[in-house]
Amino acid sequence: MYIYPDNLKSRATLWLWQLRDIGIIGVGLLISVFAFVQLWLLPPIVITALYAFLTIRFDDISILDFIKYSCAFFLTKQQTYEWGYPK
């Protein structure tokens, strides 16, 4: 199912990925299968599957973006709290 964005400014998506990501996943899968069949290398398939998982999009945010925002909130950015009476 091909879904074009409603506001015509966001990117087009196909299932759970953007069209650019589907092209990258397809080429990566093709190279991975050839590498596995000819050389018995498993890492290219794992890297392609990891990329496919991390680029899944829900409500215009990918899983990789969510992980980045979570790490920034919990680990790298300092949280500030202000105590006091409202004026």
C-alpha atoms as a PDB file:
ATOM      1  CA  MET A   1       0.000   0.000   0.000  1.00  0.00           C
ATOM      2  CA  TYR A   2       1.459   3.366  -1.057  1.00  0.00           C
ATOM      3  CA  ILE A   3       0.572   6.281   1.210  1.00  0.00           C
ATOM      4  CA  TYR A   4       1.394   9.806   0.095  1.00  0.00           C
ATOM      5  CA  PRO A   5       1.596  12.407   2.854  1.00  0.00           C
ATOM      6  CA  ASP A   6      -1.434  14.602   3.429  1.00  0.00           C
ATOM      7  CA  ASN A   7       0.365  17.932   3.611  1.00  0.00           C
ATOM      8  CA  LEU A   8       2.648  17.238   0.588  1.00  0.00           C
ATOM      9  CA  LYS A   9       5.711  18.420   2.540  1.00  0.00           C
ATOM     10  CA  SER A  10       6.630  15.244   4.402  1.00  0.00           C
ATOM     11  CA  ARG A  11       8.213  12.291   2.659  1.00  0.00           C
ATOM     12  CA  ALA A  12       6.311   9.484   0.997  1.00  0.00           C
ATOM     13  CA  THR A  13       6.126   6.197   2.892  1.00  0.00           C
ATOM     14  CA  LEU A  14       5.544   2.586   1.945  1.00  0.00           C
ATOM     15  CA  TRP A  15       4.340   0.374   4.805  1.00  0.00           C
ATOM     16  CA  LEU A  16       6.532   1.439   7.748  1.00  0.00           C
ATOM     17  CA  TRP A  17       9.525   2.905   5.896  1.00  0.00           C
ATOM     18  CA  GLN A  18      10.268   5.924   3.750  1.00  0.00           C
ATOM     19  CA  LEU A  19      10.843   5.105   0.089  1.00  0.00           C
ATOM     20  CA  ARG A  20      14.554   5.937   0.330  1.00  0.00           C
ATOM     21  CA  ASP A  21      14.929   3.449   3.191  1.00  0.00           C
ATOM     22  CA  ILE A  22      13.150   0.725   1.219  1.00  0.00           C
ATOM     23  CA  GLY A  23      15.628   1.199  -1.628  1.00  0.00           C
ATOM     24  CA  ILE A  24      18.591   0.984   0.749  1.00  0.00           C
ATOM     25  CA  ILE A  25      17.130  -2.100   2.453  1.00  0.00           C
ATOM     26  CA  GLY A  26      16.510  -3.776  -0.920  1.00  0.00           C
ATOM     27  CA  VAL A  27      20.033  -3.176  -2.198  1.00  0.00           C
ATOM     28  CA  GLY A  28      21.491  -4.204   1.167  1.00  0.00           C
ATOM     29  CA  LEU A  29      19.448  -7.397   1.160  1.00  0.00           C
ATOM     30  CA  LEU A  30      20.571  -8.236  -2.364  1.00  0.00           C
ATOM     31  CA  ILE A  31      24.245  -7.712  -1.501  1.00  0.00           C
ATOM     32  CA  SER A  32      23.797  -9.587   1.793  1.00  0.00           C
ATOM     33  CA  VAL A  33      22.258 -12.626   0.144  1.00  0.00           C
ATOM     34  CA  PHE A  34      25.011 -12.765  -2.479  1.00  0.00           C
ATOM     35  CA  ALA A  35      27.681 -12.417   0.226  1.00  0.00           C
ATOM     36  CA  PHE A  36      26.070 -15.176   2.277  1.00  0.00           C
ATOM     37  CA  VAL A  37      25.676 -17.578  -0.630  1.00  0.00           C
ATOM     38  CA  GLN A  38      29.176 -17.066  -2.034  1.00  0.00           C
ATOM     39  CA  LEU A  39      31.290 -16.393   1.075  1.00  0.00           C
ATOM     40  CA  TRP A  40      29.120 -17.615   3.983  1.00  0.00           C
ATOM     41  CA  LEU A  41      29.279 -14.150   5.572  1.00  0.00           C
ATOM     42  CA  LEU A  42      26.471 -13.479   8.026  1.00  0.00           C
ATOM     43  CA  PRO A  43      27.322  -9.910   9.216  1.00  0.00           C
ATOM     44  CA  PRO A  44      25.922  -8.134   6.103  1.00  0.00           C
ATOM     45  CA  ILE A  45      22.508  -9.731   6.691  1.00  0.00           C
ATOM     46  CA  VAL A  46      22.603  -8.720  10.349  1.00  0.00           C
ATOM     47  CA  ILE A  47      23.558  -5.132   9.475  1.00  0.00           C
ATOM     48  CA  THR A  48      20.774  -4.918   6.879  1.00  0.00           C
ATOM     49  CA  ALA A  49      18.208  -6.301   9.334  1.00  0.00           C
ATOM     50  CA  LEU A  50      19.386  -3.866  12.026  1.00  0.00           C
ATOM     51  CA  TYR A  51      19.090  -0.950   9.590  1.00  0.00           C
ATOM     52  CA  ALA A  52      15.607  -2.103   8.585  1.00  0.00           C
ATOM     53  CA  PHE A  53      14.545  -2.267  12.241  1.00  0.00           C
ATOM     54  CA  LEU A  54      16.014   1.115  13.194  1.00  0.00           C
ATOM     55  CA  THR A  55      14.395   2.942  10.254  1.00  0.00           C
ATOM     56  CA  ILE A  56      10.829   1.810  10.980  1.00  0.00           C
ATOM     57  CA  ARG A  57       8.701   4.954  11.290  1.00  0.00           C
ATOM     58  CA  PHE A  58       5.643   5.563  13.462  1.00  0.00           C
ATOM     59  CA  ASP A  59       3.997   9.006  13.340  1.00  0.00           C
ATOM     60  CA  ASP A  60       6.971  10.532  11.474  1.00  0.00           C
ATOM     61  CA  ILE A  61       9.580   9.411  14.043  1.00  0.00           C
ATOM     62  CA  SER A  62      11.899   6.457  13.523  1.00  0.00           C
ATOM     63  CA  ILE A  63      13.020   4.006  16.163  1.00  0.00           C
ATOM     64  CA  LEU A  64      16.571   5.365  15.855  1.00  0.00           C
ATOM     65  CA  ASP A  65      15.305   8.912  16.511  1.00  0.00           C
ATOM     66  CA  PHE A  66      13.405   7.665  19.565  1.00  0.00           C
ATOM     67  CA  ILE A  67      16.546   5.974  20.922  1.00  0.00           C
ATOM     68  CA  LYS A  68      18.552   9.171  20.353  1.00  0.00           C
ATOM     69  CA  TYR A  69      15.949  11.320  22.126  1.00  0.00           C
ATOM     70  CA  SER A  70      15.737   8.854  25.013  1.00  0.00           C
ATOM     71  CA  CYS A  71      19.517   8.770  25.484  1.00  0.00           C
ATOM     72  CA  ALA A  72      19.669  12.543  25.357  1.00  0.00           C
ATOM     73  CA  PHE A  73      16.900  12.869  27.953  1.00  0.00           C
ATOM     74  CA  PHE A  74      18.125  10.224  30.381  1.00  0.00           C
ATOM     75  CA  LEU A  75      21.908  10.264  29.908  1.00  0.00           C
ATOM     76  CA  THR A  76      23.545  13.163  28.082  1.00  0.00           C
ATOM     77  CA  LYS A  77      21.456  16.294  28.654  1.00  0.00           C
ATOM     78  CA  GLN A  78      21.265  17.807  32.088  1.00  0.00           C
ATOM     79  CA  GLN A  79      17.764  18.186  33.479  1.00  0.00           C
ATOM     80  CA  THR A  80      17.002  21.375  35.377  1.00  0.00           C
ATOM     81  CA  TYR A  81      14.382  21.712  38.049  1.00  0.00           C
ATOM     82  CA  GLU A  82      13.283  25.043  39.505  1.00  0.00           C
ATOM     83  CA  TRP A  83      11.763  25.155  42.937  1.00  0.00           C
ATOM     84  CA  GLY A  84       9.871  28.094  44.263  1.00  0.00           C
ATOM     85  CA  TYR A  85       6.546  29.736  44.751  1.00  0.00           C
ATOM     86  CA  PRO A  86       4.668  30.987  41.702  1.00  0.00           C
ATOM     87  CA  LYS A  87       4.608  34.764  41.397  1.00  0.00           C
END
